[in-house]
Amino acid sequence: MHSFLLFPPPPRYQPFYFLRTSTPTLTLVIQPDGVQRSLVGKIIARFEERGYKLVALKLVHATEAHLEKHYADLKGKSFFPGLIKYMASGPVVAMVWQGLDAVKTGRVMLGATNPLQSPVGSIRGDFCLAVGRNICHGSDSVESAEKEIKLWFPEGVVQYTSVMESWIFEEN
């Protein structure tokens, strides 16, 4: 008996433990206010429309211990306890985006930390008004992104080639 497939089987999930590669990445965490206000799809759409590739995504209710590791650089600040309590108050969506100048461009797309200083057209400029409810966290450097990927995605991210890449990037 012969068997055949109408469609090839999907590729097996291959976790990719991100160290340093030539493709920059941005870790983005949609905070509880963004999740509760149903802005996840709109934020994802902006990064996809810009040409970035999503390589990891999870919805998680982060523990205070996890968040203290994530925000360790802010530990001495007066707002730190409130930030941790707020971030642990509801689910967050953690993502990793990959592409050309992902951190630099991603930060421009997010806008200033203070939404009132963010231009219209940026995520924070369009969707929020208060610093304490500024919708998203984005890596501030490639090095921070690498640390955050290891923290939020210890299982690794998915490495794949998108068919759109040839339509987004010039070949050299």
Protein backbone atom coordinates (compact mmCIF):
# COMPACT_ATOMS: atom_id res chain seq x y z
CA MET A 1 0.00 0.00 0.00
CA HIS A 2 1.31 3.44 -0.93
CA SER A 3 0.71 6.49 1.13
CA PHE A 4 1.11 10.08 0.14
CA LEU A 5 0.67 13.44 1.73
CA LEU A 6 -1.28 16.25 0.18
CA PHE A 7 0.64 18.65 2.37
CA PRO A 8 4.14 18.16 3.72
CA PRO A 9 4.30 17.69 7.47
CA PRO A 10 4.97 20.87 9.44
CA PRO A 11 8.56 21.39 10.49
CA ARG A 12 9.34 20.18 13.99
CA TYR A 13 9.63 22.83 16.64
CA GLN A 14 13.30 23.52 17.07
CA PRO A 15 14.08 25.67 20.09
CA PHE A 16 16.86 28.10 19.36
CA TYR A 17 18.84 29.26 22.34
CA PHE A 18 19.61 32.82 21.47
CA LEU A 19 23.09 33.93 22.18
CA ARG A 20 24.50 36.66 19.95
CA THR A 21 23.67 36.48 16.26
CA SER A 22 23.83 38.94 13.41
CA THR A 23 20.06 39.52 13.62
CA PRO A 24 19.15 41.98 16.40
CA THR A 25 16.21 41.21 18.65
CA LEU A 26 13.89 43.17 20.90
CA THR A 27 12.13 41.79 23.96
CA LEU A 28 8.73 43.39 24.36
CA VAL A 29 6.42 42.86 27.34
CA ILE A 30 2.85 44.10 27.06
CA GLN A 31 1.95 45.10 30.59
CA PRO A 32 -1.32 44.29 32.42
CA ASP A 33 -2.95 47.54 31.22
CA GLY A 34 -2.29 46.64 27.58
CA VAL A 35 -3.62 43.10 28.05
CA GLN A 36 -6.74 44.24 29.96
CA ARG A 37 -7.48 46.93 27.36
CA SER A 38 -7.28 44.34 24.53
CA LEU A 39 -4.37 46.09 22.79
CA VAL A 40 -2.24 42.97 22.24
CA GLY A 41 -3.37 42.43 18.64
CA LYS A 42 -2.90 46.09 17.70
CA ILE A 43 0.64 46.12 19.12
CA ILE A 44 1.57 42.87 17.38
CA ALA A 45 0.13 44.22 14.12
CA ARG A 46 2.35 47.32 14.28
CA PHE A 47 5.52 45.24 14.58
CA GLU A 48 4.43 42.82 11.85
CA GLU A 49 3.45 45.65 9.51
CA ARG A 50 6.84 47.27 10.08
CA GLY A 51 8.50 44.04 8.90
CA TYR A 52 9.69 42.48 12.15
CA LYS A 53 9.52 38.74 12.72
CA LEU A 54 7.92 37.30 15.85
CA VAL A 55 10.13 34.48 17.20
CA ALA A 56 8.67 33.98 20.69
CA LEU A 57 5.37 34.75 22.42
CA LYS A 58 3.76 33.81 25.72
CA LEU A 59 0.93 34.96 27.97
CA VAL A 60 2.02 34.64 31.59
CA HIS A 61 1.09 35.86 35.04
CA ALA A 62 4.59 36.75 36.21
CA THR A 63 5.59 36.29 39.84
CA GLU A 64 7.05 39.11 41.89
CA ALA A 65 10.35 37.19 42.08
CA HIS A 66 10.50 36.96 38.27
CA LEU A 67 9.69 40.65 37.89
CA GLU A 68 12.33 41.63 40.46
CA LYS A 69 14.91 39.88 38.26
CA HIS A 70 13.56 41.61 35.16
CA TYR A 71 13.64 45.07 36.74
CA ALA A 72 16.79 44.50 38.87
CA ASP A 73 18.39 47.69 37.49
CA LEU A 74 15.55 49.75 39.03
CA LYS A 75 15.69 48.16 42.49
CA GLY A 76 16.89 51.31 44.29
CA LYS A 77 14.20 53.57 42.80
CA SER A 78 11.28 54.79 44.92
CA PHE A 79 8.72 53.47 42.43
CA PHE A 80 10.18 49.93 42.36
CA PRO A 81 7.76 48.27 44.85
CA GLY A 82 4.74 49.76 43.08
CA LEU A 83 6.06 48.71 39.67
CA ILE A 84 6.53 45.10 40.80
CA LYS A 85 3.08 45.00 42.45
CA TYR A 86 1.46 46.45 39.33
CA MET A 87 3.25 44.13 36.90
CA ALA A 88 2.24 41.11 39.03
CA SER A 89 -1.40 42.28 39.16
CA GLY A 90 -2.43 40.58 35.93
CA PRO A 91 -1.24 38.67 32.90
CA VAL A 92 1.42 40.08 30.59
CA VAL A 93 2.39 39.10 27.05
CA ALA A 94 6.12 38.59 26.53
CA MET A 95 7.45 38.59 22.97
CA VAL A 96 10.69 38.54 21.05
CA TRP A 97 10.89 40.39 17.75
CA GLN A 98 13.75 39.96 15.31
CA GLY A 99 14.91 42.22 12.51
CA LEU A 100 17.10 45.09 11.37
CA ASP A 101 17.79 47.57 14.22
CA ALA A 102 15.06 45.89 16.29
CA VAL A 103 15.93 47.63 19.56
CA LYS A 104 16.45 51.12 18.13
CA THR A 105 13.39 51.07 15.88
CA GLY A 106 11.28 49.24 18.45
CA ARG A 107 11.97 51.96 21.01
CA VAL A 108 10.91 54.62 18.50
CA MET A 109 7.73 52.65 17.77
CA LEU A 110 6.98 52.47 21.52
CA GLY A 111 7.57 56.17 22.16
CA ALA A 112 8.90 57.86 25.30
CA THR A 113 8.43 56.23 28.71
CA ASN A 114 6.18 59.17 29.59
CA PRO A 115 3.26 58.83 27.17
CA LEU A 116 2.59 62.58 27.26
CA GLN A 117 6.03 63.09 25.68
CA SER A 118 5.41 60.42 23.03
CA PRO A 119 4.52 61.50 19.52
CA VAL A 120 1.19 60.63 18.00
CA GLY A 121 1.76 57.53 15.89
CA SER A 122 3.84 55.78 18.56
CA ILE A 123 2.25 53.02 20.64
CA ARG A 124 2.39 55.02 23.87
CA GLY A 125 1.43 58.26 22.10
CA ASP A 126 -1.69 56.63 20.68
CA PHE A 127 -2.84 54.38 23.52
CA CYS A 128 -1.92 55.81 26.93
CA LEU A 129 -1.65 58.89 29.13
CA ALA A 130 0.14 57.93 32.38
CA VAL A 131 3.73 56.81 33.04
CA GLY A 132 2.52 54.13 35.45
CA ARG A 133 0.27 52.67 32.75
CA ASN A 134 2.47 52.99 29.67
CA ILE A 135 1.40 49.67 28.08
CA CYS A 136 4.76 48.12 27.13
CA HIS A 137 8.28 47.42 28.23
CA GLY A 138 10.87 47.28 25.46
CA SER A 139 14.55 46.33 25.71
CA ASP A 140 16.80 49.38 25.89
CA SER A 141 19.83 47.66 24.32
CA VAL A 142 20.84 44.49 22.50
CA GLU A 143 22.56 43.31 25.70
CA SER A 144 19.37 43.88 27.73
CA ALA A 145 17.37 42.01 25.11
CA GLU A 146 19.66 39.00 25.41
CA LYS A 147 19.29 38.95 29.22
CA GLU A 148 15.52 39.37 28.97
CA ILE A 149 15.20 36.57 26.42
CA LYS A 150 17.00 34.20 28.78
CA LEU A 151 14.73 35.29 31.65
CA TRP A 152 11.37 35.20 29.83
CA PHE A 153 12.15 32.38 27.38
CA PRO A 154 14.55 29.90 29.03
CA GLU A 155 13.28 27.28 26.57
CA GLY A 156 14.59 29.39 23.69
CA VAL A 157 12.98 31.10 20.73
CA VAL A 158 11.96 29.65 17.38
CA GLN A 159 14.38 30.21 14.51
CA TYR A 160 12.78 30.14 11.06
CA THR A 161 12.87 31.90 7.72
CA SER A 162 9.85 33.99 6.83
CA VAL A 163 8.80 34.02 3.18
CA MET A 164 8.31 37.79 3.52
CA GLU A 165 11.98 38.47 4.26
CA SER A 166 12.89 38.65 0.58
CA TRP A 167 10.17 41.28 0.12
CA ILE A 168 11.33 43.37 3.08
CA PHE A 169 15.12 43.31 2.82
CA GLU A 170 17.38 43.99 -0.15
CA GLU A 171 19.79 41.27 -1.11
CA ASN A 172 23.40 42.43 -1.14
